[in-house]
Amino acid sequence: MPTVELEEETVERLDGLRIEDESYDELVVELINIYEASEFTLFHAG
């Protein structure tokens, strides 16, 4: 499995977004999905 190094500030921000015992993997997948959905919306909006 790949390893990702993050700055402490980034980890703190991720911790602030996590819900209960949500894993970092689950959070990152959710953030990627949101990013892709917004990119898709902007692409089709014009």
N, C-alpha and C. Protein backbone atom coordinates (compact mmCIF):
# COMPACT_ATOMS: atom_id res chain seq x y z
N MET A 1 0.84 -1.17 0.00
CA MET A 1 0.00 0.00 0.00
C MET A 1 0.89 1.24 0.00
N PRO A 2 0.57 2.24 -0.81
CA PRO A 2 1.36 3.46 -0.86
C PRO A 2 1.26 4.25 0.45
N THR A 3 2.28 5.01 0.71
CA THR A 3 2.32 5.87 1.89
C THR A 3 2.27 7.32 1.44
N VAL A 4 1.50 8.12 2.15
CA VAL A 4 1.38 9.54 1.84
C VAL A 4 1.86 10.32 3.06
N GLU A 5 2.74 11.27 2.84
CA GLU A 5 3.22 12.11 3.93
C GLU A 5 2.47 13.43 3.91
N LEU A 6 1.95 13.82 5.07
CA LEU A 6 1.18 15.05 5.19
C LEU A 6 1.78 15.93 6.28
N GLU A 7 1.65 17.23 6.10
CA GLU A 7 2.09 18.15 7.14
C GLU A 7 1.11 18.07 8.31
N GLU A 8 1.58 18.41 9.49
CA GLU A 8 0.75 18.35 10.70
C GLU A 8 -0.52 19.19 10.54
N GLU A 9 -0.40 20.36 9.94
CA GLU A 9 -1.56 21.23 9.73
C GLU A 9 -2.62 20.55 8.87
N THR A 10 -2.18 19.82 7.85
CA THR A 10 -3.11 19.10 6.98
C THR A 10 -3.82 18.00 7.74
N VAL A 11 -3.10 17.28 8.57
CA VAL A 11 -3.70 16.21 9.38
C VAL A 11 -4.72 16.81 10.34
N GLU A 12 -4.41 17.96 10.93
CA GLU A 12 -5.35 18.62 11.84
C GLU A 12 -6.62 19.02 11.09
N ARG A 13 -6.47 19.51 9.88
CA ARG A 13 -7.65 19.88 9.08
C ARG A 13 -8.48 18.65 8.73
N LEU A 14 -7.81 17.56 8.38
CA LEU A 14 -8.53 16.32 8.10
C LEU A 14 -9.26 15.82 9.34
N ASP A 15 -8.60 15.90 10.49
CA ASP A 15 -9.23 15.47 11.74
C ASP A 15 -10.49 16.29 12.01
N GLY A 16 -10.47 17.57 11.65
CA GLY A 16 -11.64 18.42 11.85
C GLY A 16 -12.80 18.04 10.95
N LEU A 17 -12.52 17.38 9.83
CA LEU A 17 -13.55 16.98 8.88
C LEU A 17 -14.09 15.57 9.13
N ARG A 18 -13.33 14.77 9.87
CA ARG A 18 -13.73 13.38 10.09
C ARG A 18 -14.97 13.30 10.96
N ILE A 19 -15.82 12.34 10.65
CA ILE A 19 -17.04 12.11 11.42
C ILE A 19 -16.83 10.86 12.26
N GLU A 20 -16.97 11.01 13.58
CA GLU A 20 -16.82 9.92 14.54
C GLU A 20 -15.54 9.13 14.28
N ASP A 21 -15.65 7.85 13.95
CA ASP A 21 -14.46 7.01 13.76
C ASP A 21 -14.17 6.78 12.28
N GLU A 22 -14.55 7.73 11.43
CA GLU A 22 -14.31 7.63 9.99
C GLU A 22 -12.80 7.54 9.73
N SER A 23 -12.41 6.63 8.86
CA SER A 23 -10.99 6.48 8.54
C SER A 23 -10.54 7.59 7.61
N TYR A 24 -9.23 7.80 7.56
CA TYR A 24 -8.69 8.79 6.63
C TYR A 24 -9.00 8.39 5.20
N ASP A 25 -8.97 7.10 4.91
CA ASP A 25 -9.27 6.62 3.57
C ASP A 25 -10.69 6.99 3.17
N GLU A 26 -11.63 6.76 4.07
CA GLU A 26 -13.03 7.10 3.79
C GLU A 26 -13.19 8.60 3.55
N LEU A 27 -12.52 9.40 4.36
CA LEU A 27 -12.59 10.85 4.22
C LEU A 27 -12.00 11.31 2.90
N VAL A 28 -10.85 10.80 2.54
CA VAL A 28 -10.20 11.20 1.30
C VAL A 28 -11.04 10.78 0.09
N VAL A 29 -11.62 9.60 0.12
CA VAL A 29 -12.49 9.15 -0.97
C VAL A 29 -13.68 10.10 -1.10
N GLU A 30 -14.27 10.48 0.03
CA GLU A 30 -15.40 11.41 0.01
C GLU A 30 -14.99 12.76 -0.57
N LEU A 31 -13.83 13.27 -0.17
CA LEU A 31 -13.35 14.55 -0.69
C LEU A 31 -13.08 14.48 -2.19
N ILE A 32 -12.53 13.37 -2.65
CA ILE A 32 -12.29 13.19 -4.09
C ILE A 32 -13.62 13.16 -4.84
N ASN A 33 -14.60 12.47 -4.30
CA ASN A 33 -15.92 12.41 -4.93
C ASN A 33 -16.55 13.80 -5.03
N ILE A 34 -16.43 14.59 -3.97
CA ILE A 34 -16.96 15.96 -3.99
C ILE A 34 -16.23 16.78 -5.04
N TYR A 35 -14.92 16.67 -5.09
CA TYR A 35 -14.12 17.41 -6.07
C TYR A 35 -14.53 17.03 -7.49
N GLU A 36 -14.65 15.74 -7.75
CA GLU A 36 -15.02 15.29 -9.09
C GLU A 36 -16.43 15.74 -9.46
N ALA A 37 -17.35 15.71 -8.50
CA ALA A 37 -18.72 16.14 -8.77
C ALA A 37 -18.77 17.63 -9.09
N SER A 38 -18.01 18.43 -8.36
CA SER A 38 -18.02 19.87 -8.62
C SER A 38 -17.33 20.17 -9.94
N GLU A 39 -16.29 19.44 -10.26
CA GLU A 39 -15.61 19.62 -11.55
C GLU A 39 -16.54 19.25 -12.70
N PHE A 40 -17.29 18.17 -12.54
CA PHE A 40 -18.26 17.73 -13.54
C PHE A 40 -19.33 18.80 -13.74
N THR A 41 -19.82 19.37 -12.63
CA THR A 41 -20.85 20.41 -12.70
C THR A 41 -20.32 21.64 -13.41
N LEU A 42 -19.11 22.07 -13.08
CA LEU A 42 -18.53 23.25 -13.72
C LEU A 42 -18.30 23.01 -15.21
N PHE A 43 -17.89 21.80 -15.56
CA PHE A 43 -17.64 21.47 -16.96
C PHE A 43 -18.91 21.57 -17.78
N HIS A 44 -20.01 21.08 -17.23
CA HIS A 44 -21.27 21.08 -17.96
C HIS A 44 -22.01 22.42 -17.87
N ALA A 45 -21.62 23.26 -16.92
CA ALA A 45 -22.29 24.56 -16.77
C ALA A 45 -21.81 25.56 -17.81
N GLY A 46 -20.67 25.30 -18.38
CA GLY A 46 -20.27 26.21 -19.42
C GLY A 46 -18.88 26.61 -19.40
